[in-house]
Amino acid sequence: MEHLTTLKALHIAATAVLLLCALGLAIWTVRARRRGDAQAYARLLRRPLVFVWLLMGVCLLSMPFTGWWLVHLVGWPLGQTWLLASSVLYTLGAFAVWWLLVRLNRLRKAEVTGLRFTLALAVFSGVCLLSVAGLMGAKPV
């Protein structure tokens, strides 16, 4: 039973760190743009912000494994609707985060000019990951 508590704590900590890092990056970007910093998007992928992106990546990669392990330890069947929905939402959100990173890298190199799609990717990934967190918190069985 001790493994279950430790695993829950790790899974919740990874979720919280992921969401807090994303919120921090969003606030930093909004503040930089309001100050009139035209290079704000280019600076999103420079040090020390790369550490935040790496931390988010580690959290994104660890959550499916700890989540599956939790489901296995508790004994829930994987065919439950809320587990399937959260898996699909997580996959879509993780893909959107990856696409966002590629797009931000292109913005840094000045290969892409449109910012609306970049904002849409950021909002979509945030909504997906918040929805997954809501499903995990509610656990509608």
N, C-alpha and C. Protein backbone atom coordinates (compact mmCIF):
# COMPACT_ATOMS: atom_id res chain seq x y z
N MET A 1 0.81 -1.19 0.00
CA MET A 1 0.00 0.00 0.00
C MET A 1 0.86 1.26 0.00
N GLU A 2 2.08 1.14 0.51
CA GLU A 2 2.97 2.29 0.55
C GLU A 2 3.38 2.71 -0.86
N HIS A 3 3.51 1.74 -1.76
CA HIS A 3 3.85 2.06 -3.15
C HIS A 3 2.76 2.90 -3.80
N LEU A 4 1.52 2.60 -3.48
CA LEU A 4 0.40 3.33 -4.06
C LEU A 4 0.42 4.79 -3.64
N THR A 5 0.68 5.05 -2.38
CA THR A 5 0.73 6.43 -1.88
C THR A 5 1.89 7.20 -2.51
N THR A 6 3.04 6.56 -2.60
CA THR A 6 4.21 7.20 -3.20
C THR A 6 3.96 7.48 -4.68
N LEU A 7 3.38 6.54 -5.36
CA LEU A 7 3.10 6.71 -6.79
C LEU A 7 2.06 7.81 -7.02
N LYS A 8 1.05 7.86 -6.17
CA LYS A 8 0.06 8.94 -6.27
C LYS A 8 0.72 10.30 -6.09
N ALA A 9 1.59 10.39 -5.10
CA ALA A 9 2.29 11.65 -4.84
C ALA A 9 3.15 12.06 -6.03
N LEU A 10 3.86 11.11 -6.62
CA LEU A 10 4.69 11.40 -7.79
C LEU A 10 3.84 11.85 -8.98
N HIS A 11 2.74 11.17 -9.19
CA HIS A 11 1.86 11.49 -10.31
C HIS A 11 1.22 12.88 -10.13
N ILE A 12 0.78 13.18 -8.94
CA ILE A 12 0.18 14.48 -8.66
C ILE A 12 1.24 15.57 -8.74
N ALA A 13 2.44 15.29 -8.25
CA ALA A 13 3.52 16.29 -8.33
C ALA A 13 3.90 16.57 -9.78
N ALA A 14 3.96 15.54 -10.61
CA ALA A 14 4.28 15.75 -12.02
C ALA A 14 3.20 16.58 -12.71
N THR A 15 1.95 16.32 -12.38
CA THR A 15 0.85 17.10 -12.95
C THR A 15 0.93 18.55 -12.50
N ALA A 16 1.16 18.77 -11.22
CA ALA A 16 1.23 20.13 -10.70
C ALA A 16 2.42 20.89 -11.29
N VAL A 17 3.58 20.24 -11.37
CA VAL A 17 4.76 20.90 -11.94
C VAL A 17 4.53 21.24 -13.41
N LEU A 18 3.93 20.32 -14.15
CA LEU A 18 3.64 20.57 -15.56
C LEU A 18 2.72 21.78 -15.73
N LEU A 19 1.63 21.81 -14.99
CA LEU A 19 0.69 22.92 -15.12
C LEU A 19 1.27 24.23 -14.61
N LEU A 20 2.04 24.20 -13.54
CA LEU A 20 2.66 25.42 -13.03
C LEU A 20 3.72 25.96 -13.98
N CYS A 21 4.50 25.08 -14.58
CA CYS A 21 5.50 25.53 -15.56
C CYS A 21 4.82 26.16 -16.77
N ALA A 22 3.76 25.53 -17.25
CA ALA A 22 3.04 26.09 -18.39
C ALA A 22 2.43 27.44 -18.04
N LEU A 23 1.86 27.57 -16.85
CA LEU A 23 1.30 28.83 -16.42
C LEU A 23 2.39 29.90 -16.28
N GLY A 24 3.53 29.52 -15.73
CA GLY A 24 4.64 30.46 -15.60
C GLY A 24 5.14 30.95 -16.95
N LEU A 25 5.27 30.04 -17.91
CA LEU A 25 5.70 30.45 -19.25
C LEU A 25 4.67 31.37 -19.90
N ALA A 26 3.40 31.08 -19.71
CA ALA A 26 2.35 31.92 -20.29
C ALA A 26 2.38 33.32 -19.68
N ILE A 27 2.52 33.41 -18.37
CA ILE A 27 2.57 34.71 -17.71
C ILE A 27 3.81 35.48 -18.15
N TRP A 28 4.96 34.80 -18.23
CA TRP A 28 6.19 35.45 -18.68
C TRP A 28 6.03 36.01 -20.09
N THR A 29 5.41 35.23 -20.98
CA THR A 29 5.23 35.67 -22.36
C THR A 29 4.29 36.86 -22.45
N VAL A 30 3.18 36.81 -21.73
CA VAL A 30 2.21 37.91 -21.76
C VAL A 30 2.85 39.19 -21.23
N ARG A 31 3.59 39.09 -20.14
CA ARG A 31 4.26 40.28 -19.58
C ARG A 31 5.29 40.84 -20.55
N ALA A 32 6.05 39.96 -21.19
CA ALA A 32 7.07 40.42 -22.14
C ALA A 32 6.43 41.10 -23.34
N ARG A 33 5.33 40.55 -23.82
CA ARG A 33 4.65 41.17 -24.96
C ARG A 33 4.00 42.50 -24.59
N ARG A 34 3.50 42.62 -23.39
CA ARG A 34 2.89 43.89 -22.95
C ARG A 34 3.94 44.99 -22.78
N ARG A 35 5.18 44.59 -22.45
CA ARG A 35 6.25 45.57 -22.36
C ARG A 35 6.74 46.01 -23.74
N GLY A 36 6.26 45.33 -24.77
CA GLY A 36 6.67 45.69 -26.12
C GLY A 36 7.88 44.93 -26.62
N ASP A 37 8.21 43.83 -25.97
CA ASP A 37 9.36 43.02 -26.37
C ASP A 37 8.99 42.22 -27.61
N ALA A 38 9.53 42.61 -28.74
CA ALA A 38 9.22 41.92 -30.00
C ALA A 38 9.90 40.56 -30.08
N GLN A 39 10.92 40.32 -29.30
CA GLN A 39 11.66 39.06 -29.32
C GLN A 39 11.22 38.11 -28.22
N ALA A 40 10.06 38.32 -27.64
CA ALA A 40 9.61 37.49 -26.51
C ALA A 40 9.48 36.03 -26.92
N TYR A 41 8.97 35.78 -28.11
CA TYR A 41 8.78 34.39 -28.54
C TYR A 41 10.12 33.73 -28.84
N ALA A 42 11.07 34.49 -29.32
CA ALA A 42 12.40 33.94 -29.58
C ALA A 42 13.11 33.59 -28.28
N ARG A 43 12.82 34.33 -27.23
CA ARG A 43 13.48 34.08 -25.93
C ARG A 43 12.85 32.93 -25.15
N LEU A 44 11.71 32.43 -25.62
CA LEU A 44 11.07 31.31 -24.92
C LEU A 44 11.91 30.04 -24.97
N LEU A 45 12.80 29.93 -25.92
CA LEU A 45 13.61 28.72 -26.05
C LEU A 45 15.08 28.96 -25.70
N ARG A 46 15.36 30.00 -24.97
CA ARG A 46 16.73 30.28 -24.53
C ARG A 46 16.87 29.97 -23.06
N ARG A 47 18.12 29.86 -22.61
CA ARG A 47 18.36 29.65 -21.19
C ARG A 47 17.86 30.82 -20.41
N PRO A 48 17.35 30.70 -19.23
CA PRO A 48 17.09 29.52 -18.41
C PRO A 48 15.73 28.89 -18.68
N LEU A 49 15.00 29.40 -19.65
CA LEU A 49 13.68 28.86 -19.91
C LEU A 49 13.73 27.45 -20.50
N VAL A 50 14.87 27.07 -21.05
CA VAL A 50 14.99 25.70 -21.56
C VAL A 50 14.85 24.70 -20.41
N PHE A 51 15.31 25.08 -19.22
CA PHE A 51 15.15 24.21 -18.06
C PHE A 51 13.66 23.96 -17.78
N VAL A 52 12.86 24.99 -17.93
CA VAL A 52 11.41 24.84 -17.69
C VAL A 52 10.82 23.89 -18.73
N TRP A 53 11.22 24.05 -20.00
CA TRP A 53 10.73 23.16 -21.05
C TRP A 53 11.18 21.73 -20.81
N LEU A 54 12.43 21.53 -20.35
CA LEU A 54 12.90 20.18 -20.05
C LEU A 54 12.14 19.57 -18.88
N LEU A 55 11.88 20.37 -17.87
CA LEU A 55 11.10 19.90 -16.73
C LEU A 55 9.70 19.49 -17.16
N MET A 56 9.09 20.29 -18.04
CA MET A 56 7.78 19.95 -18.57
C MET A 56 7.84 18.66 -19.38
N GLY A 57 8.91 18.48 -20.15
CA GLY A 57 9.07 17.26 -20.94
C GLY A 57 9.19 16.02 -20.07
N VAL A 58 9.96 16.12 -19.00
CA VAL A 58 10.10 14.99 -18.07
C VAL A 58 8.75 14.65 -17.44
N CYS A 59 8.00 15.67 -17.07
CA CYS A 59 6.67 15.43 -16.49
C CYS A 59 5.74 14.80 -17.52
N LEU A 60 5.78 15.31 -18.76
CA LEU A 60 4.92 14.75 -19.81
C LEU A 60 5.25 13.29 -20.09
N LEU A 61 6.53 12.95 -20.04
CA LEU A 61 6.92 11.57 -20.31
C LEU A 61 6.66 10.63 -19.14
N SER A 62 6.72 11.14 -17.92
CA SER A 62 6.54 10.26 -16.76
C SER A 62 5.08 9.98 -16.44
N MET A 63 4.20 10.91 -16.78
CA MET A 63 2.80 10.76 -16.37
C MET A 63 2.08 9.55 -16.96
N PRO A 64 2.28 9.17 -18.22
CA PRO A 64 1.59 7.96 -18.70
C PRO A 64 2.03 6.70 -17.96
N PHE A 65 3.31 6.62 -17.62
CA PHE A 65 3.81 5.43 -16.93
C PHE A 65 3.31 5.36 -15.49
N THR A 66 3.39 6.48 -14.77
CA THR A 66 2.88 6.46 -13.40
C THR A 66 1.37 6.30 -13.37
N GLY A 67 0.68 6.87 -14.36
CA GLY A 67 -0.77 6.71 -14.43
C GLY A 67 -1.17 5.26 -14.68
N TRP A 68 -0.49 4.61 -15.63
CA TRP A 68 -0.81 3.21 -15.89
C TRP A 68 -0.51 2.36 -14.66
N TRP A 69 0.60 2.64 -14.01
CA TRP A 69 0.97 1.87 -12.83
C TRP A 69 -0.07 2.07 -11.72
N LEU A 70 -0.56 3.28 -11.55
CA LEU A 70 -1.61 3.53 -10.56
C LEU A 70 -2.88 2.74 -10.88
N VAL A 71 -3.28 2.78 -12.15
CA VAL A 71 -4.49 2.04 -12.56
C VAL A 71 -4.29 0.55 -12.31
N HIS A 72 -3.09 0.06 -12.58
CA HIS A 72 -2.78 -1.36 -12.37
C HIS A 72 -2.83 -1.72 -10.89
N LEU A 73 -2.24 -0.87 -10.03
CA LEU A 73 -2.22 -1.16 -8.60
C LEU A 73 -3.62 -1.10 -7.98
N VAL A 74 -4.42 -0.14 -8.42
CA VAL A 74 -5.77 0.00 -7.87
C VAL A 74 -6.68 -1.10 -8.39
N GLY A 75 -6.46 -1.52 -9.64
CA GLY A 75 -7.25 -2.60 -10.21
C GLY A 75 -8.41 -2.14 -11.07
N TRP A 76 -8.37 -0.90 -11.55
CA TRP A 76 -9.42 -0.42 -12.43
C TRP A 76 -9.25 -1.03 -13.81
N PRO A 77 -10.34 -1.39 -14.46
CA PRO A 77 -10.22 -1.87 -15.85
C PRO A 77 -9.90 -0.71 -16.78
N LEU A 78 -9.03 -0.95 -17.75
CA LEU A 78 -8.59 0.10 -18.67
C LEU A 78 -9.69 0.53 -19.64
N GLY A 79 -10.78 -0.20 -19.69
CA GLY A 79 -11.86 0.13 -20.61
C GLY A 79 -12.86 1.13 -20.09
N GLN A 80 -12.63 1.69 -18.92
CA GLN A 80 -13.56 2.68 -18.39
C GLN A 80 -13.51 3.94 -19.26
N THR A 81 -14.66 4.56 -19.43
CA THR A 81 -14.77 5.70 -20.34
C THR A 81 -13.88 6.86 -19.91
N TRP A 82 -13.81 7.15 -18.62
CA TRP A 82 -13.01 8.29 -18.19
C TRP A 82 -11.53 8.03 -18.37
N LEU A 83 -11.09 6.77 -18.25
CA LEU A 83 -9.68 6.46 -18.50
C LEU A 83 -9.35 6.55 -19.99
N LEU A 84 -10.26 6.06 -20.82
CA LEU A 84 -10.04 6.15 -22.27
C LEU A 84 -10.07 7.60 -22.73
N ALA A 85 -11.02 8.39 -22.22
CA ALA A 85 -11.10 9.80 -22.60
C ALA A 85 -9.87 10.57 -22.16
N SER A 86 -9.41 10.30 -20.95
CA SER A 86 -8.22 11.00 -20.47
C SER A 86 -6.98 10.58 -21.26
N SER A 87 -6.91 9.33 -21.69
CA SER A 87 -5.78 8.90 -22.51
C SER A 87 -5.77 9.59 -23.87
N VAL A 88 -6.94 9.71 -24.47
CA VAL A 88 -7.04 10.39 -25.77
C VAL A 88 -6.72 11.87 -25.62
N LEU A 89 -7.28 12.50 -24.59
CA LEU A 89 -7.00 13.92 -24.35
C LEU A 89 -5.52 14.15 -24.05
N TYR A 90 -4.92 13.26 -23.29
CA TYR A 90 -3.50 13.40 -22.97
C TYR A 90 -2.64 13.27 -24.22
N THR A 91 -2.98 12.31 -25.07
CA THR A 91 -2.23 12.13 -26.32
C THR A 91 -2.34 13.37 -27.20
N LEU A 92 -3.55 13.89 -27.35
CA LEU A 92 -3.74 15.10 -28.15
C LEU A 92 -3.02 16.30 -27.54
N GLY A 93 -3.09 16.44 -26.23
CA GLY A 93 -2.41 17.55 -25.56
C GLY A 93 -0.90 17.46 -25.66
N ALA A 94 -0.36 16.25 -25.50
CA ALA A 94 1.10 16.07 -25.61
C ALA A 94 1.57 16.33 -27.04
N PHE A 95 0.79 15.90 -28.02
CA PHE A 95 1.14 16.18 -29.40
C PHE A 95 1.10 17.68 -29.68
N ALA A 96 0.12 18.38 -29.11
CA ALA A 96 0.02 19.83 -29.29
C ALA A 96 1.20 20.54 -28.64
N VAL A 97 1.66 20.06 -27.48
CA VAL A 97 2.84 20.65 -26.83
C VAL A 97 4.08 20.44 -27.69
N TRP A 98 4.22 19.25 -28.25
CA TRP A 98 5.37 18.99 -29.13
C TRP A 98 5.33 19.89 -30.37
N TRP A 99 4.15 20.02 -30.97
CA TRP A 99 3.98 20.87 -32.15
C TRP A 99 4.25 22.33 -31.78
N LEU A 100 3.83 22.73 -30.59
CA LEU A 100 4.08 24.09 -30.12
C LEU A 100 5.57 24.35 -29.98
N LEU A 101 6.31 23.39 -29.45
CA LEU A 101 7.76 23.56 -29.33
C LEU A 101 8.42 23.69 -30.71
N VAL A 102 7.98 22.88 -31.65
CA VAL A 102 8.52 22.98 -33.01
C VAL A 102 8.20 24.35 -33.59
N ARG A 103 7.00 24.80 -33.38
CA ARG A 103 6.58 26.10 -33.92
C ARG A 103 7.34 27.24 -33.25
N LEU A 104 7.54 27.17 -31.95
CA LEU A 104 8.31 28.20 -31.26
C LEU A 104 9.76 28.21 -31.72
N ASN A 105 10.30 27.05 -32.01
CA ASN A 105 11.66 27.00 -32.52
C ASN A 105 11.73 27.67 -33.90
N ARG A 106 10.72 27.47 -34.71
CA ARG A 106 10.68 28.14 -36.02
C ARG A 106 10.48 29.64 -35.86
N LEU A 107 9.71 30.04 -34.86
CA LEU A 107 9.56 31.48 -34.59
C LEU A 107 10.90 32.08 -34.17
N ARG A 108 11.64 31.34 -33.40
CA ARG A 108 12.95 31.81 -32.94
C ARG A 108 13.88 32.04 -34.12
N LYS A 109 13.78 31.17 -35.12
CA LYS A 109 14.62 31.29 -36.30
C LYS A 109 13.99 32.19 -37.36
N ALA A 110 12.83 32.78 -37.05
CA ALA A 110 12.10 33.69 -37.94
C ALA A 110 11.65 33.02 -39.23
N GLU A 111 11.29 31.74 -39.16
CA GLU A 111 10.78 31.03 -40.32
C GLU A 111 9.26 31.08 -40.40
N VAL A 112 8.59 31.41 -39.29
CA VAL A 112 7.13 31.42 -39.22
C VAL A 112 6.71 32.81 -38.76
N THR A 113 5.64 33.32 -39.33
CA THR A 113 5.19 34.65 -38.94
C THR A 113 3.86 34.65 -38.20
N GLY A 114 2.97 33.73 -38.47
CA GLY A 114 1.65 33.73 -37.84
C GLY A 114 1.68 33.32 -36.39
N LEU A 115 1.10 34.16 -35.53
CA LEU A 115 1.11 33.86 -34.10
C LEU A 115 -0.22 33.31 -33.60
N ARG A 116 -1.27 33.44 -34.39
CA ARG A 116 -2.57 32.95 -33.94
C ARG A 116 -2.59 31.44 -33.81
N PHE A 117 -1.99 30.75 -34.75
CA PHE A 117 -1.96 29.29 -34.66
C PHE A 117 -1.11 28.84 -33.48
N THR A 118 -0.03 29.56 -33.22
CA THR A 118 0.81 29.24 -32.07
C THR A 118 0.02 29.41 -30.78
N LEU A 119 -0.73 30.49 -30.68
CA LEU A 119 -1.57 30.71 -29.50
C LEU A 119 -2.65 29.63 -29.40
N ALA A 120 -3.22 29.27 -30.54
CA ALA A 120 -4.25 28.22 -30.54
C ALA A 120 -3.68 26.89 -30.06
N LEU A 121 -2.46 26.56 -30.47
CA LEU A 121 -1.82 25.32 -29.99
C LEU A 121 -1.60 25.37 -28.49
N ALA A 122 -1.14 26.51 -27.99
CA ALA A 122 -0.89 26.64 -26.55
C ALA A 122 -2.19 26.50 -25.76
N VAL A 123 -3.24 27.16 -26.23
CA VAL A 123 -4.53 27.08 -25.53
C VAL A 123 -5.09 25.67 -25.61
N PHE A 124 -5.01 25.04 -26.79
CA PHE A 124 -5.54 23.69 -26.96
C PHE A 124 -4.83 22.70 -26.04
N SER A 125 -3.49 22.78 -25.99
CA SER A 125 -2.76 21.85 -25.13
C SER A 125 -3.08 22.11 -23.66
N GLY A 126 -3.22 23.36 -23.29
CA GLY A 126 -3.57 23.68 -21.90
C GLY A 126 -4.94 23.16 -21.53
N VAL A 127 -5.91 23.34 -22.42
CA VAL A 127 -7.27 22.84 -22.15
C VAL A 127 -7.27 21.32 -22.06
N CYS A 128 -6.55 20.65 -22.95
CA CYS A 128 -6.48 19.18 -22.91
C CYS A 128 -5.90 18.70 -21.59
N LEU A 129 -4.78 19.28 -21.17
CA LEU A 129 -4.12 18.82 -19.95
C LEU A 129 -4.93 19.18 -18.70
N LEU A 130 -5.60 20.32 -18.72
CA LEU A 130 -6.48 20.65 -17.59
C LEU A 130 -7.69 19.73 -17.53
N SER A 131 -8.20 19.34 -18.69
CA SER A 131 -9.32 18.39 -18.74
C SER A 131 -8.90 17.03 -18.20
N VAL A 132 -7.70 16.60 -18.53
CA VAL A 132 -7.19 15.33 -18.01
C VAL A 132 -7.06 15.41 -16.49
N ALA A 133 -6.53 16.53 -16.00
CA ALA A 133 -6.41 16.70 -14.55
C ALA A 133 -7.78 16.68 -13.88
N GLY A 134 -8.77 17.30 -14.53
CA GLY A 134 -10.13 17.28 -13.99
C GLY A 134 -10.72 15.88 -13.97
N LEU A 135 -10.50 15.13 -15.04
CA LEU A 135 -10.98 13.74 -15.08
C LEU A 135 -10.31 12.88 -14.02
N MET A 136 -9.03 13.08 -13.84
CA MET A 136 -8.30 12.30 -12.83
C MET A 136 -8.75 12.68 -11.42
N GLY A 137 -9.03 13.96 -11.21
CA GLY A 137 -9.48 14.38 -9.89
C GLY A 137 -10.89 13.90 -9.57
N ALA A 138 -11.77 13.91 -10.57
CA ALA A 138 -13.16 13.51 -10.35
C ALA A 138 -13.31 11.99 -10.31
N LYS A 139 -12.54 11.28 -11.11
CA LYS A 139 -12.61 9.82 -11.22
C LYS A 139 -14.06 9.32 -11.34
N PRO A 140 -14.79 9.76 -12.35
CA PRO A 140 -16.18 9.29 -12.48
C PRO A 140 -16.21 7.83 -12.89
N VAL A 141 -16.53 6.95 -11.97
CA VAL A 141 -16.49 5.51 -12.23
C VAL A 141 -17.80 5.05 -12.81
